Amino acid sequence: TAGFFREKGVRCDIIQASITRLEDAAGHRMFRAQNPVFIMTAHKEQA
């Protein structure tokens, strides 16, 4: 995605969000990491 926008000459902002889920583990409660998610945004200039 970033490469596509680079080829178009457009800046692509990228953020990465990490999510954890509270789960029971052997009588304790712990947070388990989930897959990170990349969120990319590009703006097309006015014509």
All heavy atoms as atom14 arrays in JSON, in Angstrom:
{
  "sequence": "TAGFFREKGVRCDIIQASITRLEDAAGHRMFRAQNPVFIMTAHKEQA",
  "atom14_mask": [
    [1, 1, 1, 1, 1, 1, 1, 0, 0, 0, 0, 0, 0, 0],
    [1, 1, 1, 1, 1, 0, 0, 0, 0, 0, 0, 0, 0, 0],
    [1, 1, 1, 1, 0, 0, 0, 0, 0, 0, 0, 0, 0, 0],
    [1, 1, 1, 1, 1, 1, 1, 1, 1, 1, 1, 0, 0, 0],
    [1, 1, 1, 1, 1, 1, 1, 1, 1, 1, 1, 0, 0, 0],
    [1, 1, 1, 1, 1, 1, 1, 1, 1, 1, 1, 0, 0, 0],
    [1, 1, 1, 1, 1, 1, 1, 1, 1, 0, 0, 0, 0, 0],
    [1, 1, 1, 1, 1, 1, 1, 1, 1, 0, 0, 0, 0, 0],
    [1, 1, 1, 1, 0, 0, 0, 0, 0, 0, 0, 0, 0, 0],
    [1, 1, 1, 1, 1, 1, 1, 0, 0, 0, 0, 0, 0, 0],
    [1, 1, 1, 1, 1, 1, 1, 1, 1, 1, 1, 0, 0, 0],
    [1, 1, 1, 1, 1, 1, 0, 0, 0, 0, 0, 0, 0, 0],
    [1, 1, 1, 1, 1, 1, 1, 1, 0, 0, 0, 0, 0, 0],
    [1, 1, 1, 1, 1, 1, 1, 1, 0, 0, 0, 0, 0, 0],
    [1, 1, 1, 1, 1, 1, 1, 1, 0, 0, 0, 0, 0, 0],
    [1, 1, 1, 1, 1, 1, 1, 1, 1, 0, 0, 0, 0, 0],
    [1, 1, 1, 1, 1, 0, 0, 0, 0, 0, 0, 0, 0, 0],
    [1, 1, 1, 1, 1, 1, 0, 0, 0, 0, 0, 0, 0, 0],
    [1, 1, 1, 1, 1, 1, 1, 1, 0, 0, 0, 0, 0, 0],
    [1, 1, 1, 1, 1, 1, 1, 0, 0, 0, 0, 0, 0, 0],
    [1, 1, 1, 1, 1, 1, 1, 1, 1, 1, 1, 0, 0, 0],
    [1, 1, 1, 1, 1, 1, 1, 1, 0, 0, 0, 0, 0, 0],
    [1, 1, 1, 1, 1, 1, 1, 1, 1, 0, 0, 0, 0, 0],
    [1, 1, 1, 1, 1, 1, 1, 1, 0, 0, 0, 0, 0, 0],
    [1, 1, 1, 1, 1, 0, 0, 0, 0, 0, 0, 0, 0, 0],
    [1, 1, 1, 1, 1, 0, 0, 0, 0, 0, 0, 0, 0, 0],
    [1, 1, 1, 1, 0, 0, 0, 0, 0, 0, 0, 0, 0, 0],
    [1, 1, 1, 1, 1, 1, 1, 1, 1, 1, 0, 0, 0, 0],
    [1, 1, 1, 1, 1, 1, 1, 1, 1, 1, 1, 0, 0, 0],
    [1, 1, 1, 1, 1, 1, 1, 1, 0, 0, 0, 0, 0, 0],
    [1, 1, 1, 1, 1, 1, 1, 1, 1, 1, 1, 0, 0, 0],
    [1, 1, 1, 1, 1, 1, 1, 1, 1, 1, 1, 0, 0, 0],
    [1, 1, 1, 1, 1, 0, 0, 0, 0, 0, 0, 0, 0, 0],
    [1, 1, 1, 1, 1, 1, 1, 1, 1, 0, 0, 0, 0, 0],
    [1, 1, 1, 1, 1, 1, 1, 1, 0, 0, 0, 0, 0, 0],
    [1, 1, 1, 1, 1, 1, 1, 0, 0, 0, 0, 0, 0, 0],
    [1, 1, 1, 1, 1, 1, 1, 0, 0, 0, 0, 0, 0, 0],
    [1, 1, 1, 1, 1, 1, 1, 1, 1, 1, 1, 0, 0, 0],
    [1, 1, 1, 1, 1, 1, 1, 1, 0, 0, 0, 0, 0, 0],
    [1, 1, 1, 1, 1, 1, 1, 1, 0, 0, 0, 0, 0, 0],
    [1, 1, 1, 1, 1, 1, 1, 0, 0, 0, 0, 0, 0, 0],
    [1, 1, 1, 1, 1, 0, 0, 0, 0, 0, 0, 0, 0, 0],
    [1, 1, 1, 1, 1, 1, 1, 1, 1, 1, 0, 0, 0, 0],
    [1, 1, 1, 1, 1, 1, 1, 1, 1, 0, 0, 0, 0, 0],
    [1, 1, 1, 1, 1, 1, 1, 1, 1, 0, 0, 0, 0, 0],
    [1, 1, 1, 1, 1, 1, 1, 1, 1, 0, 0, 0, 0, 0],
    [1, 1, 1, 1, 1, 0, 0, 0, 0, 0, 0, 0, 0, 0]
  ],
  "atom14_positions": [
    [[0.84, -1.2, 0.0], [0.0, 0.0, 0.0], [0.87, 1.25, 0.0], [0.66, 2.18, -0.79], [-0.94, -0.01, 1.23], [-1.75, -1.18, 1.18], [-1.81, 1.23, 1.25], [0.0, 0.0, 0.0], [0.0, 0.0, 0.0], [0.0, 0.0, 0.0], [0.0, 0.0, 0.0], [0.0, 0.0, 0.0], [0.0, 0.0, 0.0], [0.0, 0.0, 0.0]],
    [[1.87, 1.29, 0.87], [2.77, 2.43, 0.93], [3.51, 2.61, -0.4], [3.67, 3.74, -0.88], [3.77, 2.28, 2.07], [0.0, 0.0, 0.0], [0.0, 0.0, 0.0], [0.0, 0.0, 0.0], [0.0, 0.0, 0.0], [0.0, 0.0, 0.0], [0.0, 0.0, 0.0], [0.0, 0.0, 0.0], [0.0, 0.0, 0.0], [0.0, 0.0, 0.0]],
    [[3.93, 1.5, -1.01], [4.62, 1.55, -2.3], [3.74, 2.1, -3.4], [4.18, 2.88, -4.25], [0.0, 0.0, 0.0], [0.0, 0.0, 0.0], [0.0, 0.0, 0.0], [0.0, 0.0, 0.0], [0.0, 0.0, 0.0], [0.0, 0.0, 0.0], [0.0, 0.0, 0.0], [0.0, 0.0, 0.0], [0.0, 0.0, 0.0], [0.0, 0.0, 0.0]],
    [[2.46, 1.71, -3.41], [1.52, 2.21, -4.41], [1.43, 3.73, -4.32], [1.52, 4.42, -5.33], [0.14, 1.58, -4.21], [-0.91, 2.15, -5.12], [-1.08, 1.61, -6.4], [-1.71, 3.2, -4.74], [-2.03, 2.14, -7.27], [-2.67, 3.73, -5.58], [-2.83, 3.19, -6.85], [0.0, 0.0, 0.0], [0.0, 0.0, 0.0], [0.0, 0.0, 0.0]],
    [[1.25, 4.25, -3.12], [1.11, 5.69, -2.97], [2.43, 6.42, -3.24], [2.42, 7.53, -3.78], [0.55, 6.05, -1.6], [-0.9, 5.66, -1.47], [-1.31, 4.74, -0.52], [-1.85, 6.19, -2.32], [-2.64, 4.37, -0.42], [-3.18, 5.83, -2.24], [-3.57, 4.91, -1.28], [0.0, 0.0, 0.0], [0.0, 0.0, 0.0], [0.0, 0.0, 0.0]],
    [[3.55, 5.8, -2.93], [4.85, 6.39, -3.25], [4.98, 6.55, -4.76], [5.43, 7.58, -5.27], [5.98, 5.54, -2.68], [7.35, 6.17, -2.8], [8.45, 5.42, -2.06], [8.3, 3.99, -1.97], [7.9, 3.3, -0.89], [7.6, 3.93, 0.22], [7.81, 1.99, -0.9], [0.0, 0.0, 0.0], [0.0, 0.0, 0.0], [0.0, 0.0, 0.0]],
    [[4.55, 5.52, -5.52], [4.58, 5.59, -6.99], [3.69, 6.71, -7.52], [3.97, 7.3, -8.57], [4.13, 4.26, -7.6], [5.11, 3.13, -7.39], [4.53, 1.78, -7.78], [3.47, 1.73, -8.45], [5.14, 0.76, -7.4], [0.0, 0.0, 0.0], [0.0, 0.0, 0.0], [0.0, 0.0, 0.0], [0.0, 0.0, 0.0], [0.0, 0.0, 0.0]],
    [[2.61, 7.0, -6.82], [1.7, 8.08, -7.21], [2.21, 9.45, -6.78], [1.61, 10.47, -7.1], [0.3, 7.86, -6.6], [-0.41, 6.64, -7.11], [-0.77, 6.79, -8.56], [-1.53, 5.6, -9.07], [-1.73, 5.65, -10.52], [0.0, 0.0, 0.0], [0.0, 0.0, 0.0], [0.0, 0.0, 0.0], [0.0, 0.0, 0.0], [0.0, 0.0, 0.0]],
    [[3.32, 9.46, -6.02], [3.87, 10.71, -5.54], [3.09, 11.31, -4.39], [3.11, 12.52, -4.17], [0.0, 0.0, 0.0], [0.0, 0.0, 0.0], [0.0, 0.0, 0.0], [0.0, 0.0, 0.0], [0.0, 0.0, 0.0], [0.0, 0.0, 0.0], [0.0, 0.0, 0.0], [0.0, 0.0, 0.0], [0.0, 0.0, 0.0], [0.0, 0.0, 0.0]],
    [[2.4, 10.44, -3.64], [1.53, 10.88, -2.55], [2.07, 10.34, -1.23], [2.49, 9.18, -1.14], [0.09, 10.35, -2.77], [-0.81, 10.73, -1.63], [-0.46, 10.84, -4.08], [0.0, 0.0, 0.0], [0.0, 0.0, 0.0], [0.0, 0.0, 0.0], [0.0, 0.0, 0.0], [0.0, 0.0, 0.0], [0.0, 0.0, 0.0], [0.0, 0.0, 0.0]],
    [[2.05, 11.19, -0.22], [2.47, 10.75, 1.12], [1.43, 9.8, 1.7], [0.23, 10.02, 1.6], [2.61, 11.97, 2.02], [3.09, 11.62, 3.4], [3.32, 12.87, 4.19], [2.78, 12.64, 5.52], [2.56, 13.57, 6.39], [2.78, 14.82, 6.09], [2.09, 13.27, 7.56], [0.0, 0.0, 0.0], [0.0, 0.0, 0.0], [0.0, 0.0, 0.0]],
    [[1.91, 8.74, 2.31], [1.05, 7.76, 2.97], [1.4, 7.75, 4.45], [2.51, 7.37, 4.82], [1.26, 6.38, 2.35], [0.26, 5.07, 3.1], [0.0, 0.0, 0.0], [0.0, 0.0, 0.0], [0.0, 0.0, 0.0], [0.0, 0.0, 0.0], [0.0, 0.0, 0.0], [0.0, 0.0, 0.0], [0.0, 0.0, 0.0], [0.0, 0.0, 0.0]],
    [[0.46, 8.19, 5.28], [0.67, 8.15, 6.73], [0.33, 6.75, 7.22], [-0.69, 6.18, 6.83], [-0.24, 9.16, 7.43], [0.12, 10.59, 7.09], [1.33, 10.9, 7.03], [-0.8, 11.39, 6.87], [0.0, 0.0, 0.0], [0.0, 0.0, 0.0], [0.0, 0.0, 0.0], [0.0, 0.0, 0.0], [0.0, 0.0, 0.0], [0.0, 0.0, 0.0]],
    [[1.2, 6.19, 8.06], [0.99, 4.85, 8.57], [1.06, 4.87, 10.09], [2.01, 5.43, 10.66], [2.04, 3.85, 8.04], [2.05, 3.84, 6.51], [1.79, 2.45, 8.59], [3.15, 3.0, 5.9], [0.0, 0.0, 0.0], [0.0, 0.0, 0.0], [0.0, 0.0, 0.0], [0.0, 0.0, 0.0], [0.0, 0.0, 0.0], [0.0, 0.0, 0.0]],
    [[0.06, 4.29, 10.72], [0.11, 4.06, 12.15], [-0.07, 2.57, 12.38], [-0.63, 1.86, 11.53], [-0.92, 4.88, 12.94], [-2.35, 4.52, 12.54], [-0.68, 6.36, 12.78], [-3.39, 5.17, 13.42], [0.0, 0.0, 0.0], [0.0, 0.0, 0.0], [0.0, 0.0, 0.0], [0.0, 0.0, 0.0], [0.0, 0.0, 0.0], [0.0, 0.0, 0.0]],
    [[0.41, 2.09, 13.49], [0.26, 0.67, 13.83], [-0.42, 0.6, 15.19], [0.03, 1.24, 16.13], [1.63, -0.02, 13.85], [1.59, -1.5, 14.12], [1.85, -1.81, 15.58], [2.77, -1.29, 16.19], [1.03, -2.66, 16.14], [0.0, 0.0, 0.0], [0.0, 0.0, 0.0], [0.0, 0.0, 0.0], [0.0, 0.0, 0.0], [0.0, 0.0, 0.0]],
    [[-1.51, -0.13, 15.26], [-2.26, -0.28, 16.5], [-2.07, -1.69, 17.04], [-2.15, -2.66, 16.28], [-3.75, 0.0, 16.27], [0.0, 0.0, 0.0], [0.0, 0.0, 0.0], [0.0, 0.0, 0.0], [0.0, 0.0, 0.0], [0.0, 0.0, 0.0], [0.0, 0.0, 0.0], [0.0, 0.0, 0.0], [0.0, 0.0, 0.0], [0.0, 0.0, 0.0]],
    [[-1.81, -1.78, 18.31], [-1.67, -3.08, 18.96], [-2.83, -3.28, 19.93], [-3.16, -2.38, 20.7], [-0.35, -3.17, 19.74], [0.74, -3.07, 18.85], [0.0, 0.0, 0.0], [0.0, 0.0, 0.0], [0.0, 0.0, 0.0], [0.0, 0.0, 0.0], [0.0, 0.0, 0.0], [0.0, 0.0, 0.0], [0.0, 0.0, 0.0], [0.0, 0.0, 0.0]],
    [[-3.41, -4.44, 19.89], [-4.54, -4.77, 20.74], [-4.15, -5.95, 21.63], [-3.52, -6.9, 21.18], [-5.77, -5.17, 19.89], [-6.09, -4.1, 18.84], [-6.96, -5.5, 20.75], [-6.46, -2.75, 19.39], [0.0, 0.0, 0.0], [0.0, 0.0, 0.0], [0.0, 0.0, 0.0], [0.0, 0.0, 0.0], [0.0, 0.0, 0.0], [0.0, 0.0, 0.0]],
    [[-4.54, -5.88, 22.88], [-4.36, -7.02, 23.77], [-5.73, -7.37, 24.35], [-6.61, -6.53, 24.49], [-3.38, -6.7, 24.91], [-3.84, -5.56, 25.62], [-1.98, -6.44, 24.38], [0.0, 0.0, 0.0], [0.0, 0.0, 0.0], [0.0, 0.0, 0.0], [0.0, 0.0, 0.0], [0.0, 0.0, 0.0], [0.0, 0.0, 0.0], [0.0, 0.0, 0.0]],
    [[-5.9, -8.65, 24.64], [-7.16, -9.16, 25.15], [-6.92, -9.79, 26.52], [-6.0, -10.57, 26.69], [-7.71, -10.2, 24.18], [-9.06, -10.74, 24.54], [-9.5, -11.79, 23.52], [-9.47, -11.28, 22.17], [-10.54, -10.88, 21.49], [-11.72, -10.95, 22.04], [-10.41, -10.44, 20.28], [0.0, 0.0, 0.0], [0.0, 0.0, 0.0], [0.0, 0.0, 0.0]],
    [[-7.77, -9.46, 27.48], [-7.67, -10.03, 28.82], [-8.21, -11.46, 28.79], [-9.33, -11.69, 28.33], [-8.45, -9.17, 29.82], [-8.3, -9.56, 31.29], [-6.85, -9.4, 31.75], [-9.22, -8.69, 32.15], [0.0, 0.0, 0.0], [0.0, 0.0, 0.0], [0.0, 0.0, 0.0], [0.0, 0.0, 0.0], [0.0, 0.0, 0.0], [0.0, 0.0, 0.0]],
    [[-7.4, -12.4, 29.26], [-7.78, -13.81, 29.27], [-7.41, -14.45, 30.59], [-6.52, -13.98, 31.3], [-7.07, -14.57, 28.13], [-7.46, -14.11, 26.75], [-6.75, -14.89, 25.66], [-5.92, -15.77, 25.97], [-7.02, -14.6, 24.49], [0.0, 0.0, 0.0], [0.0, 0.0, 0.0], [0.0, 0.0, 0.0], [0.0, 0.0, 0.0], [0.0, 0.0, 0.0]],
    [[-8.09, -15.54, 30.91], [-7.72, -16.33, 32.07], [-6.6, -17.27, 31.68], [-6.62, -17.89, 30.62], [-8.92, -17.14, 32.57], [-10.0, -16.26, 33.17], [-9.64, -15.23, 33.79], [-11.19, -16.57, 33.02], [0.0, 0.0, 0.0], [0.0, 0.0, 0.0], [0.0, 0.0, 0.0], [0.0, 0.0, 0.0], [0.0, 0.0, 0.0], [0.0, 0.0, 0.0]],
    [[-5.61, -17.39, 32.56], [-4.46, -18.25, 32.3], [-4.02, -18.88, 33.62], [-3.43, -18.2, 34.47], [-3.32, -17.47, 31.67], [0.0, 0.0, 0.0], [0.0, 0.0, 0.0], [0.0, 0.0, 0.0], [0.0, 0.0, 0.0], [0.0, 0.0, 0.0], [0.0, 0.0, 0.0], [0.0, 0.0, 0.0], [0.0, 0.0, 0.0], [0.0, 0.0, 0.0]],
    [[-4.34, -20.15, 33.81], [-3.92, -20.9, 35.0], [-4.31, -20.18, 36.29], [-3.5, -20.01, 37.19], [-2.43, -21.19, 34.94], [0.0, 0.0, 0.0], [0.0, 0.0, 0.0], [0.0, 0.0, 0.0], [0.0, 0.0, 0.0], [0.0, 0.0, 0.0], [0.0, 0.0, 0.0], [0.0, 0.0, 0.0], [0.0, 0.0, 0.0], [0.0, 0.0, 0.0]],
    [[-5.56, -19.73, 36.36], [-6.04, -19.08, 37.57], [-5.66, -17.61, 37.69], [-5.97, -16.97, 38.69], [0.0, 0.0, 0.0], [0.0, 0.0, 0.0], [0.0, 0.0, 0.0], [0.0, 0.0, 0.0], [0.0, 0.0, 0.0], [0.0, 0.0, 0.0], [0.0, 0.0, 0.0], [0.0, 0.0, 0.0], [0.0, 0.0, 0.0], [0.0, 0.0, 0.0]],
    [[-4.98, -17.08, 36.72], [-4.6, -15.67, 36.71], [-5.23, -15.0, 35.5], [-5.65, -15.65, 34.56], [-3.07, -15.51, 36.64], [-2.36, -16.11, 37.8], [-2.25, -15.45, 39.01], [-1.74, -17.3, 37.96], [-1.58, -16.23, 39.85], [-1.26, -17.36, 39.23], [0.0, 0.0, 0.0], [0.0, 0.0, 0.0], [0.0, 0.0, 0.0], [0.0, 0.0, 0.0]],
    [[-5.26, -13.7, 35.55], [-5.75, -12.95, 34.4], [-4.57, -12.21, 33.78], [-3.82, -11.55, 34.48], [-6.85, -11.99, 34.82], [-8.07, -12.78, 35.33], [-9.15, -11.91, 35.9], [-9.5, -10.78, 35.08], [-10.61, -10.71, 34.33], [-11.46, -11.7, 34.32], [-10.86, -9.64, 33.61], [0.0, 0.0, 0.0], [0.0, 0.0, 0.0], [0.0, 0.0, 0.0]],
    [[-4.41, -12.39, 32.49], [-3.3, -11.74, 31.81], [-3.75, -11.23, 30.45], [-4.72, -11.72, 29.87], [-2.12, -12.69, 31.64], [-2.38, -13.88, 30.73], [-0.98, -14.97, 30.54], [0.02, -14.04, 29.43], [0.0, 0.0, 0.0], [0.0, 0.0, 0.0], [0.0, 0.0, 0.0], [0.0, 0.0, 0.0], [0.0, 0.0, 0.0], [0.0, 0.0, 0.0]],
    [[-3.01, -10.25, 29.97], [-3.29, -9.73, 28.64], [-2.47, -10.5, 27.62], [-1.27, -10.69, 27.79], [-2.95, -8.23, 28.56], [-3.98, -7.37, 29.21], [-3.81, -6.9, 30.5], [-5.14, -7.03, 28.52], [-4.76, -6.1, 31.1], [-6.1, -6.24, 29.11], [-5.92, -5.76, 30.39], [0.0, 0.0, 0.0], [0.0, 0.0, 0.0], [0.0, 0.0, 0.0]],
    [[-3.14, -10.96, 26.55], [-2.48, -11.65, 25.44], [-2.52, -10.76, 24.21], [-3.57, -10.27, 23.82], [-3.19, -12.95, 25.12], [-2.44, -14.14, 25.59], [-3.09, -15.42, 25.11], [-3.34, -16.27, 26.25], [-2.42, -17.02, 26.81], [-1.21, -17.04, 26.33], [-2.71, -17.75, 27.85], [0.0, 0.0, 0.0], [0.0, 0.0, 0.0], [0.0, 0.0, 0.0]],
    [[-1.36, -10.59, 23.6], [-1.26, -9.73, 22.42], [-1.97, -10.36, 21.23], [-1.9, -11.58, 21.02], [0.2, -9.48, 22.09], [0.0, 0.0, 0.0], [0.0, 0.0, 0.0], [0.0, 0.0, 0.0], [0.0, 0.0, 0.0], [0.0, 0.0, 0.0], [0.0, 0.0, 0.0], [0.0, 0.0, 0.0], [0.0, 0.0, 0.0], [0.0, 0.0, 0.0]],
    [[-2.66, -9.53, 20.47], [-3.27, -9.93, 19.21], [-2.38, -9.41, 18.09], [-1.41, -8.68, 18.32], [-4.67, -9.33, 19.09], [-5.59, -9.66, 20.25], [-5.89, -11.13, 20.35], [-6.43, -11.72, 19.41], [-5.54, -11.74, 21.47], [0.0, 0.0, 0.0], [0.0, 0.0, 0.0], [0.0, 0.0, 0.0], [0.0, 0.0, 0.0], [0.0, 0.0, 0.0]],
    [[-2.69, -9.76, 16.85], [-1.89, -9.27, 15.73], [-1.99, -7.75, 15.64], [-3.07, -7.19, 15.83], [-2.38, -9.86, 14.41], [-2.01, -11.31, 14.27], [-1.02, -11.77, 14.83], [-2.81, -12.05, 13.53], [0.0, 0.0, 0.0], [0.0, 0.0, 0.0], [0.0, 0.0, 0.0], [0.0, 0.0, 0.0], [0.0, 0.0, 0.0], [0.0, 0.0, 0.0]],
    [[-0.88, -7.07, 15.34], [-0.95, -5.63, 15.15], [-1.71, -5.32, 13.85], [-1.77, -6.14, 12.94], [0.51, -5.2, 15.04], [1.24, -6.43, 14.65], [0.47, -7.6, 15.19], [0.0, 0.0, 0.0], [0.0, 0.0, 0.0], [0.0, 0.0, 0.0], [0.0, 0.0, 0.0], [0.0, 0.0, 0.0], [0.0, 0.0, 0.0], [0.0, 0.0, 0.0]],
    [[-2.27, -4.12, 13.79], [-2.98, -3.67, 12.6], [-2.32, -2.39, 12.12], [-2.08, -1.47, 12.91], [-4.47, -3.4, 12.92], [-5.21, -2.86, 11.71], [-5.14, -4.66, 13.44], [0.0, 0.0, 0.0], [0.0, 0.0, 0.0], [0.0, 0.0, 0.0], [0.0, 0.0, 0.0], [0.0, 0.0, 0.0], [0.0, 0.0, 0.0], [0.0, 0.0, 0.0]],
    [[-2.03, -2.33, 10.82], [-1.49, -1.13, 10.2], [-2.66, -0.35, 9.6], [-3.51, -0.94, 8.94], [-0.48, -1.47, 9.1], [0.69, -2.25, 9.6], [0.7, -3.64, 9.55], [1.79, -1.6, 10.13], [1.78, -4.36, 10.01], [2.88, -2.32, 10.6], [2.88, -3.7, 10.55], [0.0, 0.0, 0.0], [0.0, 0.0, 0.0], [0.0, 0.0, 0.0]],
    [[-2.68, 0.95, 9.84], [-3.73, 1.81, 9.29], [-3.02, 2.88, 8.46], [-2.21, 3.66, 8.99], [-4.56, 2.46, 10.41], [-5.15, 1.37, 11.32], [-5.68, 3.34, 9.81], [-5.74, 1.88, 12.61], [0.0, 0.0, 0.0], [0.0, 0.0, 0.0], [0.0, 0.0, 0.0], [0.0, 0.0, 0.0], [0.0, 0.0, 0.0], [0.0, 0.0, 0.0]],
    [[-3.31, 2.88, 7.16], [-2.63, 3.77, 6.22], [-3.61, 4.74, 5.6], [-4.7, 4.33, 5.2], [-1.94, 2.94, 5.14], [-0.89, 2.01, 5.74], [-0.71, 0.46, 4.84], [-2.25, -0.34, 5.14], [0.0, 0.0, 0.0], [0.0, 0.0, 0.0], [0.0, 0.0, 0.0], [0.0, 0.0, 0.0], [0.0, 0.0, 0.0], [0.0, 0.0, 0.0]],
    [[-3.22, 5.99, 5.49], [-4.08, 7.02, 4.94], [-3.32, 7.86, 3.92], [-2.17, 8.23, 4.15], [-4.62, 7.94, 6.05], [-5.29, 7.14, 7.03], [-5.58, 8.98, 5.51], [0.0, 0.0, 0.0], [0.0, 0.0, 0.0], [0.0, 0.0, 0.0], [0.0, 0.0, 0.0], [0.0, 0.0, 0.0], [0.0, 0.0, 0.0], [0.0, 0.0, 0.0]],
    [[-3.98, 8.13, 2.78], [-3.41, 8.99, 1.74], [-4.47, 9.98, 1.29], [-5.66, 9.65, 1.25], [-2.93, 8.16, 0.56], [0.0, 0.0, 0.0], [0.0, 0.0, 0.0], [0.0, 0.0, 0.0], [0.0, 0.0, 0.0], [0.0, 0.0, 0.0], [0.0, 0.0, 0.0], [0.0, 0.0, 0.0], [0.0, 0.0, 0.0], [0.0, 0.0, 0.0]],
    [[-4.04, 11.19, 0.97], [-4.92, 12.27, 0.53], [-4.64, 12.56, -0.94], [-3.48, 12.72, -1.32], [-4.69, 13.53, 1.35], [-4.98, 13.36, 2.8], [-6.11, 13.84, 3.39], [-4.28, 12.74, 3.78], [-6.1, 13.54, 4.68], [-4.99, 12.87, 4.93], [0.0, 0.0, 0.0], [0.0, 0.0, 0.0], [0.0, 0.0, 0.0], [0.0, 0.0, 0.0]],
    [[-5.69, 12.63, -1.73], [-5.53, 13.0, -3.14], [-5.72, 14.52, -3.25], [-6.7, 15.06, -2.75], [-6.57, 12.28, -4.0], [-6.34, 12.43, -5.48], [-7.28, 11.51, -6.25], [-6.93, 11.47, -7.72], [-7.83, 10.54, -8.44], [0.0, 0.0, 0.0], [0.0, 0.0, 0.0], [0.0, 0.0, 0.0], [0.0, 0.0, 0.0], [0.0, 0.0, 0.0]],
    [[-4.78, 15.17, -3.89], [-4.84, 16.62, -4.0], [-6.0, 17.06, -4.87], [-6.44, 16.33, -5.76], [-3.52, 17.15, -4.57], [-2.35, 16.82, -3.64], [-1.29, 17.88, -3.71], [-1.51, 18.94, -4.32], [-0.23, 17.63, -3.12], [0.0, 0.0, 0.0], [0.0, 0.0, 0.0], [0.0, 0.0, 0.0], [0.0, 0.0, 0.0], [0.0, 0.0, 0.0]],
    [[-6.47, 18.29, -4.62], [-7.52, 18.88, -5.44], [-7.0, 19.03, -6.87], [-5.84, 19.3, -7.08], [-7.9, 20.26, -4.91], [-8.56, 20.24, -3.57], [-10.05, 19.92, -3.65], [-10.6, 19.64, -4.7], [-10.7, 19.91, -2.51], [0.0, 0.0, 0.0], [0.0, 0.0, 0.0], [0.0, 0.0, 0.0], [0.0, 0.0, 0.0], [0.0, 0.0, 0.0]],
    [[-7.88, 18.85, -7.82], [-7.5, 18.99, -9.23], [-7.31, 20.45, -9.59], [-7.81, 21.32, -9.0], [-8.56, 18.36, -10.13], [0.0, 0.0, 0.0], [0.0, 0.0, 0.0], [0.0, 0.0, 0.0], [0.0, 0.0, 0.0], [0.0, 0.0, 0.0], [0.0, 0.0, 0.0], [0.0, 0.0, 0.0], [0.0, 0.0, 0.0], [0.0, 0.0, 0.0]]
  ]
}
